[in-house]
PDB file of N, CA and C in Angstrom:
ATOM      1  N   UNK A   1      89.619 115.703 102.492  1.00  0.00           N
ATOM      2  CA  UNK A   1      90.647 115.903 103.533  1.00  0.00           C
ATOM      3  C   UNK A   1      91.861 114.695 103.252  1.00  0.00           C
ATOM      4  N   UNK A   2      92.993 115.259 103.503  1.00  0.00           N
ATOM      5  CA  UNK A   2      94.222 114.849 103.326  1.00  0.00           C
ATOM      6  C   UNK A   2      94.375 113.640 104.440  1.00  0.00           C
ATOM      7  N   UNK A   3      95.054 112.537 103.872  1.00  0.00           N
ATOM      8  CA  UNK A   3      95.304 111.388 105.178  1.00  0.00           C
ATOM      9  C   UNK A   3      97.055 111.607 105.004  1.00  0.00           C
ATOM     10  N   UNK A   4      97.311 111.808 106.157  1.00  0.00           N
ATOM     11  CA  UNK A   4      98.781 112.314 107.284  1.00  0.00           C
ATOM     12  C   UNK A   4      98.543 111.270 107.647  1.00  0.00           C
ATOM     13  N   UNK A   5      98.580 110.597 107.935  1.00  0.00           N
ATOM     14  CA  UNK A   5      99.250 109.368 108.168  1.00  0.00           C
ATOM     15  C   UNK A   5      99.448 108.321 107.449  1.00  0.00           C
ATOM     16  N   UNK A   6      98.882 108.050 106.492  1.00  0.00           N
ATOM     17  CA  UNK A   6      99.152 107.466 105.370  1.00  0.00           C
ATOM     18  C   UNK A   6     100.457 108.301 104.613  1.00  0.00           C
ATOM     19  N   UNK A   7     100.224 109.236 104.356  1.00  0.00           N
ATOM     20  CA  UNK A   7     101.573 110.769 103.879  1.00  0.00           C
ATOM     21  C   UNK A   7     102.667 110.542 104.274  1.00  0.00           C
ATOM     22  N   UNK A   8     102.980 110.585 105.843  1.00  0.00           N
ATOM     23  CA  UNK A   8     103.682 110.371 106.731  1.00  0.00           C
ATOM     24  C   UNK A   8     104.804 108.518 106.213  1.00  0.00           C
ATOM     25  N   UNK A   9     103.325 107.897 106.082  1.00  0.00           N
ATOM     26  CA  UNK A   9     104.541 106.804 106.010  1.00  0.00           C
ATOM     27  C   UNK A   9     105.142 106.626 104.958  1.00  0.00           C
ATOM     28  N   UNK A  10     104.747 106.674 103.903  1.00  0.00           N
ATOM     29  CA  UNK A  10     104.776 107.022 101.855  1.00  0.00           C
ATOM     30  C   UNK A  10     106.136 107.982 102.051  1.00  0.00           C
ATOM     31  N   UNK A  11     106.192 109.041 102.906  1.00  0.00           N
ATOM     32  CA  UNK A  11     107.438 109.653 103.281  1.00  0.00           C
ATOM     33  C   UNK A  11     108.727 109.206 103.534  1.00  0.00           C
ATOM     34  N   UNK A  12     108.463 108.851 104.841  1.00  0.00           N
ATOM     35  CA  UNK A  12     109.403 107.824 105.362  1.00  0.00           C
ATOM     36  C   UNK A  12     110.004 106.560 104.685  1.00  0.00           C
ATOM     37  N   UNK A  13     109.213 106.235 103.613  1.00  0.00           N
ATOM     38  CA  UNK A  13     109.289 104.869 103.046  1.00  0.00           C
ATOM     39  C   UNK A  13     110.029 105.499 102.209  1.00  0.00           C
ATOM     40  N   UNK A  14     109.726 106.337 101.113  1.00  0.00           N
ATOM     41  CA  UNK A  14     110.502 107.292 100.139  1.00  0.00           C
ATOM     42  C   UNK A  14     112.027 107.881 100.744  1.00  0.00           C
ATOM     43  N   UNK A  15     112.078 108.317 102.043  1.00  0.00           N
ATOM     44  CA  UNK A  15     113.435 108.627 101.850  1.00  0.00           C
ATOM     45  C   UNK A  15     114.123 107.324 101.963  1.00  0.00           C
ATOM     46  N   UNK A  16     113.507 106.468 103.248  1.00  0.00           N
ATOM     47  CA  UNK A  16     114.701 105.009 103.585  1.00  0.00           C
ATOM     48  C   UNK A  16     114.861 104.542 102.038  1.00  0.00           C
ATOM     49  N   UNK A  17     114.082 104.551 101.154  1.00  0.00           N
ATOM     50  CA  UNK A  17     114.258 103.695  99.805  1.00  0.00           C
ATOM     51  C   UNK A  17     115.480 104.324  99.230  1.00  0.00           C
ATOM     52  N   UNK A  18     115.437 105.713  99.388  1.00  0.00           N
ATOM     53  CA  UNK A  18     116.468 106.811  98.397  1.00  0.00           C
ATOM     54  C   UNK A  18     117.603 106.540  99.418  1.00  0.00           C
ATOM     55  N   UNK A  19     117.973 106.159 100.775  1.00  0.00           N
ATOM     56  CA  UNK A  19     118.952 105.938 101.005  1.00  0.00           C
ATOM     57  C   UNK A  19     119.229 104.342 101.324  1.00  0.00           C
ATOM     58  N   UNK A  20     118.600 103.475 100.918  1.00  0.00           N
ATOM     59  CA  UNK A  20     119.215 102.123 100.857  1.00  0.00           C
ATOM     60  C   UNK A  20     119.834 102.241  99.309  1.00  0.00           C
ATOM     61  N   UNK A  21     119.295 102.627  98.636  1.00  0.00           N
ATOM     62  CA  UNK A  21     119.587 102.655  97.096  1.00  0.00           C
ATOM     63  C   UNK A  21     120.849 103.458  96.994  1.00  0.00           C
ATOM     64  N   UNK A  22     120.980 104.489  97.536  1.00  0.00           N
ATOM     65  CA  UNK A  22     122.488 104.911  97.639  1.00  0.00           C
ATOM     66  C   UNK A  22     123.302 104.119  97.929  1.00  0.00           C
ATOM     67  N   UNK A  23     123.119 103.598  99.272  1.00  0.00           N
ATOM     68  CA  UNK A  23     124.369 103.215 100.037  1.00  0.00           C
ATOM     69  C   UNK A  23     124.455 101.498  99.651  1.00  0.00           C
ATOM     70  N   UNK A  24     123.221 100.836  98.463  1.00  0.00           N
ATOM     71  CA  UNK A  24     123.734  99.674  98.461  1.00  0.00           C
ATOM     72  C   UNK A  24     123.177  98.744  99.470  1.00  0.00           C
ATOM     73  N   UNK A  25     122.126  99.226 100.341  1.00  0.00           N
ATOM     74  CA  UNK A  25     122.416  98.257 101.496  1.00  0.00           C
ATOM     75  C   UNK A  25     121.350  96.869 101.246  1.00  0.00           C
ATOM     76  N   UNK A  26     122.009  96.091 101.987  1.00  0.00           N
ATOM     77  CA  UNK A  26     121.487  94.544 102.129  1.00  0.00           C
ATOM     78  C   UNK A  26     119.800  94.405 102.414  1.00  0.00           C
ATOM     79  N   UNK A  27     119.358  93.324 102.343  1.00  0.00           N
ATOM     80  CA  UNK A  27     118.180  93.064 102.288  1.00  0.00           C
ATOM     81  C   UNK A  27     117.985  92.993 103.916  1.00  0.00           C
ATOM     82  N   UNK A  28     118.890  92.235 105.041  1.00  0.00           N
ATOM     83  CA  UNK A  28     118.412  92.085 106.196  1.00  0.00           C
ATOM     84  C   UNK A  28     118.789  93.469 107.265  1.00  0.00           C
ATOM     85  N   UNK A  29     119.185  94.101 106.672  1.00  0.00           N
ATOM     86  CA  UNK A  29     119.887  95.706 107.352  1.00  0.00           C
ATOM     87  C   UNK A  29     118.420  96.360 107.923  1.00  0.00           C
ATOM     88  N   UNK A  30     118.683  96.702 109.101  1.00  0.00           N
ATOM     89  CA  UNK A  30     117.334  97.514 109.620  1.00  0.00           C
ATOM     90  C   UNK A  30     116.495  98.784 108.618  1.00  0.00           C
ATOM     91  N   UNK A  31     116.987  99.271 107.568  1.00  0.00           N
ATOM     92  CA  UNK A  31     116.187 100.173 106.857  1.00  0.00           C
ATOM     93  C   UNK A  31     115.766  99.582 106.229  1.00  0.00           C
ATOM     94  N   UNK A  32     115.991  98.298 105.826  1.00  0.00           N
ATOM     95  CA  UNK A  32     115.093  97.763 104.356  1.00  0.00           C
ATOM     96  C   UNK A  32     114.020  96.699 105.460  1.00  0.00           C
ATOM     97  N   UNK A  33     114.027  96.173 106.376  1.00  0.00           N
ATOM     98  CA  UNK A  33     113.196  95.963 107.688  1.00  0.00           C
ATOM     99  C   UNK A  33     112.288  96.673 108.071  1.00  0.00           C
ATOM    100  N   UNK A  34     112.792  98.268 108.544  1.00  0.00           N
ATOM    101  CA  UNK A  34     111.549  99.505 107.760  1.00  0.00           C
ATOM    102  C   UNK A  34     110.562  99.276 107.041  1.00  0.00           C
ATOM    103  N   UNK A  35     111.511  99.218 106.107  1.00  0.00           N
ATOM    104  CA  UNK A  35     110.376  99.272 104.643  1.00  0.00           C
ATOM    105  C   UNK A  35     109.751  98.315 104.793  1.00  0.00           C
ATOM    106  N   UNK A  36     109.938  97.114 104.714  1.00  0.00           N
ATOM    107  CA  UNK A  36     108.791  96.235 104.778  1.00  0.00           C
ATOM    108  C   UNK A  36     107.974  96.256 105.981  1.00  0.00           C
ATOM    109  N   UNK A  37     107.928  96.787 106.675  1.00  0.00           N
ATOM    110  CA  UNK A  37     106.922  97.388 107.816  1.00  0.00           C
ATOM    111  C   UNK A  37     105.960  98.392 107.732  1.00  0.00           C
ATOM    112  N   UNK A  38     106.670  99.307 107.236  1.00  0.00           N
ATOM    113  CA  UNK A  38     105.688 100.405 106.312  1.00  0.00           C
ATOM    114  C   UNK A  38     104.962  99.909 105.282  1.00  0.00           C
ATOM    115  N   UNK A  39     105.555  98.949 104.545  1.00  0.00           N
ATOM    116  CA  UNK A  39     104.715  98.136 103.087  1.00  0.00           C
ATOM    117  C   UNK A  39     103.180  97.704 103.918  1.00  0.00           C
ATOM    118  N   UNK A  40     103.805  97.070 104.853  1.00  0.00           N
ATOM    119  CA  UNK A  40     102.801  96.161 105.753  1.00  0.00           C
ATOM    120  C   UNK A  40     102.137  97.020 106.653  1.00  0.00           C
ATOM    121  N   UNK A  41     102.323  97.933 106.955  1.00  0.00           N
ATOM    122  CA  UNK A  41     101.527  99.228 107.592  1.00  0.00           C
ATOM    123  C   UNK A  41     100.380  99.565 106.567  1.00  0.00           C
ATOM    124  N   UNK A  42     101.402 100.100 105.310  1.00  0.00           N
ATOM    125  CA  UNK A  42     100.116 101.176 104.331  1.00  0.00           C
ATOM    126  C   UNK A  42      99.141  99.999 104.265  1.00  0.00           C
ATOM    127  N   UNK A  43      99.339  98.864 103.739  1.00  0.00           N
ATOM    128  CA  UNK A  43      98.419  97.986 103.081  1.00  0.00           C
ATOM    129  C   UNK A  43      97.456  97.936 104.314  1.00  0.00           C
ATOM    130  N   UNK A  44      97.743  97.825 105.401  1.00  0.00           N
ATOM    131  CA  UNK A  44      96.565  97.496 106.719  1.00  0.00           C
ATOM    132  C   UNK A  44      95.878  98.672 106.565  1.00  0.00           C
ATOM    133  N   UNK A  45      96.420  99.833 106.460  1.00  0.00           N
ATOM    134  CA  UNK A  45      95.439 101.343 107.054  1.00  0.00           C
ATOM    135  C   UNK A  45      95.006 101.390 105.549  1.00  0.00           C
ATOM    136  N   UNK A  46      95.505 100.865 104.225  1.00  0.00           N
ATOM    137  CA  UNK A  46      94.154 101.059 102.963  1.00  0.00           C
ATOM    138  C   UNK A  46      93.529  99.941 103.282  1.00  0.00           C
ATOM    139  N   UNK A  47      93.400  98.920 103.488  1.00  0.00           N
ATOM    140  CA  UNK A  47      92.394  97.774 103.745  1.00  0.00           C
ATOM    141  C   UNK A  47      91.247  98.461 105.038  1.00  0.00           C
ATOM    142  N   UNK A  48      91.563  99.271 105.734  1.00  0.00           N
ATOM    143  CA  UNK A  48      90.857 100.106 107.124  1.00  0.00           C
ATOM    144  C   UNK A  48      90.137 101.177 106.308  1.00  0.00           C
ATOM    145  N   UNK A  49      90.529 101.293 105.119  1.00  0.00           N
ATOM    146  CA  UNK A  49      89.770 102.559 104.943  1.00  0.00           C
ATOM    147  C   UNK A  49      89.109 102.084 103.709  1.00  0.00           C
ATOM    148  N   UNK A  50      88.930 100.722 103.455  1.00  0.00           N
ATOM    149  CA  UNK A  50      88.322 100.220 102.512  1.00  0.00           C
ATOM    150  C   UNK A  50      88.727 100.440 100.685  1.00  0.00           C
ATOM    151  N   UNK A  51      90.087 100.810 101.144  1.00  0.00           N
ATOM    152  CA  UNK A  51      91.089 100.497  99.142  1.00  0.00           C
ATOM    153  C   UNK A  51      91.505 100.010  99.577  1.00  0.00           C
ATOM    154  N   UNK A  52      92.109  99.780  97.882  1.00  0.00           N
ATOM    155  CA  UNK A  52      92.815  98.702  97.623  1.00  0.00           C
ATOM    156  C   UNK A  52      94.401  98.738  97.734  1.00  0.00           C
ATOM    157  N   UNK A  53      95.272  98.199  98.450  1.00  0.00           N
ATOM    158  CA  UNK A  53      96.441  98.493  98.999  1.00  0.00           C
ATOM    159  C   UNK A  53      97.424  98.770  98.085  1.00  0.00           C
ATOM    160  N   UNK A  54      96.907  98.545  96.904  1.00  0.00           N
ATOM    161  CA  UNK A  54      98.407  98.902  95.646  1.00  0.00           C
ATOM    162  C   UNK A  54      97.961 100.673  95.275  1.00  0.00           C
ATOM    163  N   UNK A  55      96.831 101.009  95.210  1.00  0.00           N
ATOM    164  CA  UNK A  55      96.592 102.028  94.680  1.00  0.00           C
ATOM    165  C   UNK A  55      97.222 104.040  95.282  1.00  0.00           C
ATOM    166  N   UNK A  56      97.374 104.778  94.875  1.00  0.00           N
ATOM    167  CA  UNK A  56      97.395 105.986  95.344  1.00  0.00           C
ATOM    168  C   UNK A  56      99.092 106.281  95.258  1.00  0.00           C
ATOM    169  N   UNK A  57      99.317 107.847  95.460  1.00  0.00           N
ATOM    170  CA  UNK A  57     100.861 108.297  95.147  1.00  0.00           C
ATOM    171  C   UNK A  57     101.902 106.973  95.528  1.00  0.00           C
ATOM    172  N   UNK A  58     102.835 106.403  94.963  1.00  0.00           N
ATOM    173  CA  UNK A  58     103.784 105.967  96.332  1.00  0.00           C
ATOM    174  C   UNK A  58     103.689 104.558  96.800  1.00  0.00           C
ATOM    175  N   UNK A  59     102.439 104.218  96.646  1.00  0.00           N
ATOM    176  CA  UNK A  59     102.288 102.986  97.438  1.00  0.00           C
ATOM    177  C   UNK A  59     102.323 102.301  96.303  1.00  0.00           C
ATOM    178  N   UNK A  60     103.378 100.846  96.900  1.00  0.00           N
ATOM    179  CA  UNK A  60     103.944  99.653  96.278  1.00  0.00           C
ATOM    180  C   UNK A  60     104.069  99.757  94.855  1.00  0.00           C
ATOM    181  N   UNK A  61     105.148 101.048  94.533  1.00  0.00           N
ATOM    182  CA  UNK A  61     105.655 101.018  93.546  1.00  0.00           C
ATOM    183  C   UNK A  61     107.167 100.542  93.531  1.00  0.00           C
ATOM    184  N   UNK A  62     107.302  99.952  92.728  1.00  0.00           N
ATOM    185  CA  UNK A  62     109.030  98.884  93.029  1.00  0.00           C
ATOM    186  C   UNK A  62     109.164  97.449  93.724  1.00  0.00           C
ATOM    187  N   UNK A  63     108.238  97.198  94.547  1.00  0.00           N
ATOM    188  CA  UNK A  63     108.174  95.927  94.801  1.00  0.00           C
ATOM    189  C   UNK A  63     108.529  95.873  96.391  1.00  0.00           C
ATOM    190  N   UNK A  64     108.738  97.152  96.931  1.00  0.00           N
ATOM    191  CA  UNK A  64     109.382  97.132  98.285  1.00  0.00           C
ATOM    192  C   UNK A  64     110.871  96.798  98.855  1.00  0.00           C
ATOM    193  N   UNK A  65     110.480  96.307  99.718  1.00  0.00           N
ATOM    194  CA  UNK A  65     111.423  95.489 100.986  1.00  0.00           C
ATOM    195  C   UNK A  65     111.743  94.217 100.011  1.00  0.00           C
ATOM    196  N   UNK A  66     111.337  93.986  99.128  1.00  0.00           N
ATOM    197  CA  UNK A  66     111.885  92.469  98.958  1.00  0.00           C
ATOM    198  C   UNK A  66     112.546  92.089  97.853  1.00  0.00           C
ATOM    199  N   UNK A  67     112.867  93.356  97.385  1.00  0.00           N
ATOM    200  CA  UNK A  67     114.306  93.140  95.921  1.00  0.00           C
ATOM    201  C   UNK A  67     115.774  92.412  96.430  1.00  0.00           C
TER     202      UNK A  67
END
């Protein structure tokens, strides 16, 4: 069965990242902070599920909000 919670977080992160790239937003903007929060939440969720935090589609690609 699909993990809808994880898919929701990945979708939100992808949309935020696209917005940040388009607008050229700095690191300290609310959008970039939210991306970092989502990265942490996805990693915690993966650990809770017993999976590696870097695996899966869209997870951990591009370094997240720390660029």
